[in-house]
Amino acid sequence: MSWHPHNDEEDPSANDCNYNFPQVLFAFVLGFTCMFVLAVDEIQDFKGCPLNEKPLKWRD
């Protein structure tokens, strides 16, 4: 028994989104660099946990 018993014509756009390795590597490095820069910026802006100044009710 075949999984696809019908004979549909092949989709012409089936291979439109196949990227080659340099494109994938460039996109990964670009994304990683952007996220790293944004994370470092957030870490620099972070001044400590605000919850330590006001204890939570369940800590009492």
PDB file of N, CA and C in Angstrom:
ATOM      1  N   MET A   1       0.850  -1.187   0.000  1.00  0.00           N
ATOM      2  CA  MET A   1       0.000   0.000   0.000  1.00  0.00           C
ATOM      3  C   MET A   1       0.893   1.247   0.000  1.00  0.00           C
ATOM      4  N   SER A   2       0.570   2.144  -0.874  1.00  0.00           N
ATOM      5  CA  SER A   2       1.364   3.368  -0.996  1.00  0.00           C
ATOM      6  C   SER A   2       0.781   4.460  -0.101  1.00  0.00           C
ATOM      7  N   TRP A   3       1.665   5.284   0.419  1.00  0.00           N
ATOM      8  CA  TRP A   3       1.194   6.393   1.248  1.00  0.00           C
ATOM      9  C   TRP A   3       0.493   7.445   0.403  1.00  0.00           C
ATOM     10  N   HIS A   4       0.909   7.615  -0.838  1.00  0.00           N
ATOM     11  CA  HIS A   4       0.321   8.610  -1.727  1.00  0.00           C
ATOM     12  C   HIS A   4      -0.143   7.914  -3.005  1.00  0.00           C
ATOM     13  N   PRO A   5      -1.350   7.406  -2.990  1.00  0.00           N
ATOM     14  CA  PRO A   5      -1.818   6.651  -4.153  1.00  0.00           C
ATOM     15  C   PRO A   5      -2.170   7.525  -5.351  1.00  0.00           C
ATOM     16  N   HIS A   6      -2.219   8.824  -5.183  1.00  0.00           N
ATOM     17  CA  HIS A   6      -2.583   9.707  -6.293  1.00  0.00           C
ATOM     18  C   HIS A   6      -1.332  10.208  -7.008  1.00  0.00           C
ATOM     19  N   ASN A   7      -1.499  10.653  -8.204  1.00  0.00           N
ATOM     20  CA  ASN A   7      -0.377  11.131  -9.019  1.00  0.00           C
ATOM     21  C   ASN A   7      -0.507  12.638  -9.236  1.00  0.00           C
ATOM     22  N   ASP A   8      -0.183  13.407  -8.213  1.00  0.00           N
ATOM     23  CA  ASP A   8      -0.207  14.863  -8.352  1.00  0.00           C
ATOM     24  C   ASP A   8       1.047  15.309  -9.080  1.00  0.00           C
ATOM     25  N   GLU A   9       0.924  16.407  -9.812  1.00  0.00           N
ATOM     26  CA  GLU A   9       2.123  16.940 -10.450  1.00  0.00           C
ATOM     27  C   GLU A   9       3.018  17.564  -9.384  1.00  0.00           C
ATOM     28  N   GLU A  10       4.299  17.559  -9.638  1.00  0.00           N
ATOM     29  CA  GLU A  10       5.273  18.025  -8.656  1.00  0.00           C
ATOM     30  C   GLU A  10       5.140  19.532  -8.443  1.00  0.00           C
ATOM     31  N   ASP A  11       5.293  19.960  -7.201  1.00  0.00           N
ATOM     32  CA  ASP A  11       5.198  21.377  -6.851  1.00  0.00           C
ATOM     33  C   ASP A  11       6.435  22.104  -7.377  1.00  0.00           C
ATOM     34  N   PRO A  12       6.269  23.111  -8.245  1.00  0.00           N
ATOM     35  CA  PRO A  12       7.449  23.799  -8.783  1.00  0.00           C
ATOM     36  C   PRO A  12       8.192  24.627  -7.739  1.00  0.00           C
ATOM     37  N   SER A  13       7.530  25.005  -6.647  1.00  0.00           N
ATOM     38  CA  SER A  13       8.183  25.822  -5.619  1.00  0.00           C
ATOM     39  C   SER A  13       8.718  24.969  -4.468  1.00  0.00           C
ATOM     40  N   ALA A  14       8.810  23.659  -4.642  1.00  0.00           N
ATOM     41  CA  ALA A  14       9.218  22.777  -3.544  1.00  0.00           C
ATOM     42  C   ALA A  14      10.653  23.033  -3.119  1.00  0.00           C
ATOM     43  N   ASN A  15      11.526  23.447  -4.021  1.00  0.00           N
ATOM     44  CA  ASN A  15      12.938  23.644  -3.696  1.00  0.00           C
ATOM     45  C   ASN A  15      13.327  25.119  -3.621  1.00  0.00           C
ATOM     46  N   ASP A  16      12.355  26.008  -3.477  1.00  0.00           N
ATOM     47  CA  ASP A  16      12.660  27.435  -3.465  1.00  0.00           C
ATOM     48  C   ASP A  16      13.369  27.879  -2.191  1.00  0.00           C
ATOM     49  N   CYS A  17      13.212  27.162  -1.098  1.00  0.00           N
ATOM     50  CA  CYS A  17      13.756  27.608   0.184  1.00  0.00           C
ATOM     51  C   CYS A  17      14.975  26.813   0.615  1.00  0.00           C
ATOM     52  N   ASN A  18      15.629  26.160  -0.294  1.00  0.00           N
ATOM     53  CA  ASN A  18      16.844  25.438   0.057  1.00  0.00           C
ATOM     54  C   ASN A  18      18.027  26.397  -0.039  1.00  0.00           C
ATOM     55  N   TYR A  19      18.607  26.699   1.113  1.00  0.00           N
ATOM     56  CA  TYR A  19      19.730  27.624   1.151  1.00  0.00           C
ATOM     57  C   TYR A  19      21.031  26.830   1.155  1.00  0.00           C
ATOM     58  N   ASN A  20      22.066  27.409   0.595  1.00  0.00           N
ATOM     59  CA  ASN A  20      23.349  26.720   0.624  1.00  0.00           C
ATOM     60  C   ASN A  20      24.068  27.031   1.940  1.00  0.00           C
ATOM     61  N   PHE A  21      25.148  26.322   2.179  1.00  0.00           N
ATOM     62  CA  PHE A  21      25.816  26.407   3.481  1.00  0.00           C
ATOM     63  C   PHE A  21      26.333  27.805   3.809  1.00  0.00           C
ATOM     64  N   PRO A  22      26.964  28.541   2.886  1.00  0.00           N
ATOM     65  CA  PRO A  22      27.418  29.897   3.249  1.00  0.00           C
ATOM     66  C   PRO A  22      26.276  30.828   3.645  1.00  0.00           C
ATOM     67  N   GLN A  23      25.115  30.679   3.018  1.00  0.00           N
ATOM     68  CA  GLN A  23      23.978  31.519   3.397  1.00  0.00           C
ATOM     69  C   GLN A  23      23.505  31.191   4.809  1.00  0.00           C
ATOM     70  N   VAL A  24      23.429  29.919   5.121  1.00  0.00           N
ATOM     71  CA  VAL A  24      22.990  29.506   6.453  1.00  0.00           C
ATOM     72  C   VAL A  24      24.008  29.941   7.504  1.00  0.00           C
ATOM     73  N   LEU A  25      25.281  29.780   7.198  1.00  0.00           N
ATOM     74  CA  LEU A  25      26.326  30.187   8.134  1.00  0.00           C
ATOM     75  C   LEU A  25      26.303  31.697   8.362  1.00  0.00           C
ATOM     76  N   PHE A  26      26.130  32.467   7.301  1.00  0.00           N
ATOM     77  CA  PHE A  26      26.058  33.919   7.437  1.00  0.00           C
ATOM     78  C   PHE A  26      24.856  34.331   8.287  1.00  0.00           C
ATOM     79  N   ALA A  27      23.700  33.729   8.040  1.00  0.00           N
ATOM     80  CA  ALA A  27      22.504  34.069   8.810  1.00  0.00           C
ATOM     81  C   ALA A  27      22.682  33.702  10.280  1.00  0.00           C
ATOM     82  N   PHE A  28      23.295  32.557  10.545  1.00  0.00           N
ATOM     83  CA  PHE A  28      23.523  32.143  11.927  1.00  0.00           C
ATOM     84  C   PHE A  28      24.469  33.100  12.640  1.00  0.00           C
ATOM     85  N   VAL A  29      25.577  33.441  11.988  1.00  0.00           N
ATOM     86  CA  VAL A  29      26.560  34.339  12.610  1.00  0.00           C
ATOM     87  C   VAL A  29      25.957  35.721  12.820  1.00  0.00           C
ATOM     88  N   LEU A  30      25.214  36.214  11.848  1.00  0.00           N
ATOM     89  CA  LEU A  30      24.572  37.523  11.986  1.00  0.00           C
ATOM     90  C   LEU A  30      23.572  37.523  13.139  1.00  0.00           C
ATOM     91  N   GLY A  31      22.741  36.497  13.211  1.00  0.00           N
ATOM     92  CA  GLY A  31      21.765  36.409  14.298  1.00  0.00           C
ATOM     93  C   GLY A  31      22.426  36.253  15.653  1.00  0.00           C
ATOM     94  N   PHE A  32      23.446  35.400  15.727  1.00  0.00           N
ATOM     95  CA  PHE A  32      24.145  35.194  16.996  1.00  0.00           C
ATOM     96  C   PHE A  32      24.816  36.484  17.452  1.00  0.00           C
ATOM     97  N   THR A  33      25.436  37.210  16.521  1.00  0.00           N
ATOM     98  CA  THR A  33      26.112  38.463  16.868  1.00  0.00           C
ATOM     99  C   THR A  33      25.114  39.496  17.375  1.00  0.00           C
ATOM    100  N   CYS A  34      24.000  39.630  16.685  1.00  0.00           N
ATOM    101  CA  CYS A  34      22.974  40.594  17.128  1.00  0.00           C
ATOM    102  C   CYS A  34      22.455  40.239  18.516  1.00  0.00           C
ATOM    103  N   MET A  35      22.152  38.974  18.742  1.00  0.00           N
ATOM    104  CA  MET A  35      21.630  38.567  20.047  1.00  0.00           C
ATOM    105  C   MET A  35      22.690  38.737  21.140  1.00  0.00           C
ATOM    106  N   PHE A  36      23.958  38.485  20.808  1.00  0.00           N
ATOM    107  CA  PHE A  36      25.026  38.661  21.790  1.00  0.00           C
ATOM    108  C   PHE A  36      25.167  40.130  22.164  1.00  0.00           C
ATOM    109  N   VAL A  37      25.144  41.019  21.176  1.00  0.00           N
ATOM    110  CA  VAL A  37      25.265  42.457  21.449  1.00  0.00           C
ATOM    111  C   VAL A  37      24.088  42.934  22.288  1.00  0.00           C
ATOM    112  N   LEU A  38      22.882  42.492  21.947  1.00  0.00           N
ATOM    113  CA  LEU A  38      21.712  42.899  22.724  1.00  0.00           C
ATOM    114  C   LEU A  38      21.759  42.331  24.140  1.00  0.00           C
ATOM    115  N   ALA A  39      22.250  41.105  24.295  1.00  0.00           N
ATOM    116  CA  ALA A  39      22.339  40.506  25.628  1.00  0.00           C
ATOM    117  C   ALA A  39      23.360  41.245  26.480  1.00  0.00           C
ATOM    118  N   VAL A  40      24.505  41.600  25.912  1.00  0.00           N
ATOM    119  CA  VAL A  40      25.519  42.345  26.668  1.00  0.00           C
ATOM    120  C   VAL A  40      24.964  43.698  27.083  1.00  0.00           C
ATOM    121  N   ASP A  41      24.216  44.340  26.200  1.00  0.00           N
ATOM    122  CA  ASP A  41      23.600  45.626  26.527  1.00  0.00           C
ATOM    123  C   ASP A  41      22.602  45.468  27.674  1.00  0.00           C
ATOM    124  N   GLU A  42      21.794  44.411  27.643  1.00  0.00           N
ATOM    125  CA  GLU A  42      20.839  44.178  28.727  1.00  0.00           C
ATOM    126  C   GLU A  42      21.556  43.886  30.035  1.00  0.00           C
ATOM    127  N   ILE A  43      22.620  43.117  29.981  1.00  0.00           N
ATOM    128  CA  ILE A  43      23.362  42.790  31.202  1.00  0.00           C
ATOM    129  C   ILE A  43      23.992  44.047  31.793  1.00  0.00           C
ATOM    130  N   GLN A  44      24.465  44.959  30.952  1.00  0.00           N
ATOM    131  CA  GLN A  44      25.036  46.214  31.444  1.00  0.00           C
ATOM    132  C   GLN A  44      23.968  47.080  32.103  1.00  0.00           C
ATOM    133  N   ASP A  45      22.738  47.030  31.569  1.00  0.00           N
ATOM    134  CA  ASP A  45      21.651  47.833  32.137  1.00  0.00           C
ATOM    135  C   ASP A  45      21.080  47.227  33.415  1.00  0.00           C
ATOM    136  N   PHE A  46      21.313  45.940  33.643  1.00  0.00           N
ATOM    137  CA  PHE A  46      20.723  45.259  34.792  1.00  0.00           C
ATOM    138  C   PHE A  46      21.481  45.648  36.056  1.00  0.00           C
ATOM    139  N   LYS A  47      20.766  46.167  37.044  1.00  0.00           N
ATOM    140  CA  LYS A  47      21.419  46.689  38.246  1.00  0.00           C
ATOM    141  C   LYS A  47      21.217  45.795  39.464  1.00  0.00           C
ATOM    142  N   GLY A  48      20.770  44.608  39.282  1.00  0.00           N
ATOM    143  CA  GLY A  48      20.529  43.718  40.413  1.00  0.00           C
ATOM    144  C   GLY A  48      19.060  43.359  40.499  1.00  0.00           C
ATOM    145  N   CYS A  49      18.765  42.424  41.321  1.00  0.00           N
ATOM    146  CA  CYS A  49      17.396  41.935  41.424  1.00  0.00           C
ATOM    147  C   CYS A  49      16.581  42.852  42.325  1.00  0.00           C
ATOM    148  N   PRO A  50      15.494  43.433  41.837  1.00  0.00           N
ATOM    149  CA  PRO A  50      14.696  44.338  42.670  1.00  0.00           C
ATOM    150  C   PRO A  50      13.905  43.603  43.749  1.00  0.00           C
ATOM    151  N   LEU A  51      13.771  42.280  43.627  1.00  0.00           N
ATOM    152  CA  LEU A  51      12.993  41.548  44.623  1.00  0.00           C
ATOM    153  C   LEU A  51      13.729  41.429  45.945  1.00  0.00           C
ATOM    154  N   ASN A  52      15.038  41.591  45.959  1.00  0.00           N
ATOM    155  CA  ASN A  52      15.790  41.470  47.205  1.00  0.00           C
ATOM    156  C   ASN A  52      15.550  42.657  48.127  1.00  0.00           C
ATOM    157  N   GLU A  53      15.178  43.804  47.597  1.00  0.00           N
ATOM    158  CA  GLU A  53      14.930  44.979  48.424  1.00  0.00           C
ATOM    159  C   GLU A  53      13.611  44.849  49.173  1.00  0.00           C
ATOM    160  N   LYS A  54      12.611  44.291  48.521  1.00  0.00           N
ATOM    161  CA  LYS A  54      11.308  44.096  49.149  1.00  0.00           C
ATOM    162  C   LYS A  54      11.075  42.595  49.260  1.00  0.00           C
ATOM    163  N   PRO A  55      11.169  42.041  50.441  1.00  0.00           N
ATOM    164  CA  PRO A  55      10.985  40.597  50.570  1.00  0.00           C
ATOM    165  C   PRO A  55       9.575  40.182  50.166  1.00  0.00           C
ATOM    166  N   LEU A  56       9.476  39.020  49.599  1.00  0.00           N
ATOM    167  CA  LEU A  56       8.169  38.498  49.213  1.00  0.00           C
ATOM    168  C   LEU A  56       7.394  38.068  50.450  1.00  0.00           C
ATOM    169  N   LYS A  57       6.069  38.012  50.307  1.00  0.00           N
ATOM    170  CA  LYS A  57       5.222  37.678  51.454  1.00  0.00           C
ATOM    171  C   LYS A  57       5.504  36.276  51.982  1.00  0.00           C
ATOM    172  N   TRP A  58       5.831  35.350  51.100  1.00  0.00           N
ATOM    173  CA  TRP A  58       6.031  33.977  51.566  1.00  0.00           C
ATOM    174  C   TRP A  58       7.372  33.805  52.271  1.00  0.00           C
ATOM    175  N   ARG A  59       8.249  34.826  52.221  1.00  0.00           N
ATOM    176  CA  ARG A  59       9.520  34.739  52.935  1.00  0.00           C
ATOM    177  C   ARG A  59       9.365  35.098  54.409  1.00  0.00           C
ATOM    178  N   ASP A  60       8.283  35.771  54.768  1.00  0.00           N
ATOM    179  CA  ASP A  60       8.100  36.219  56.161  1.00  0.00           C
ATOM    180  C   ASP A  60       7.882  35.059  57.107  1.00  0.00           C
TER     181      ASP A  60
END
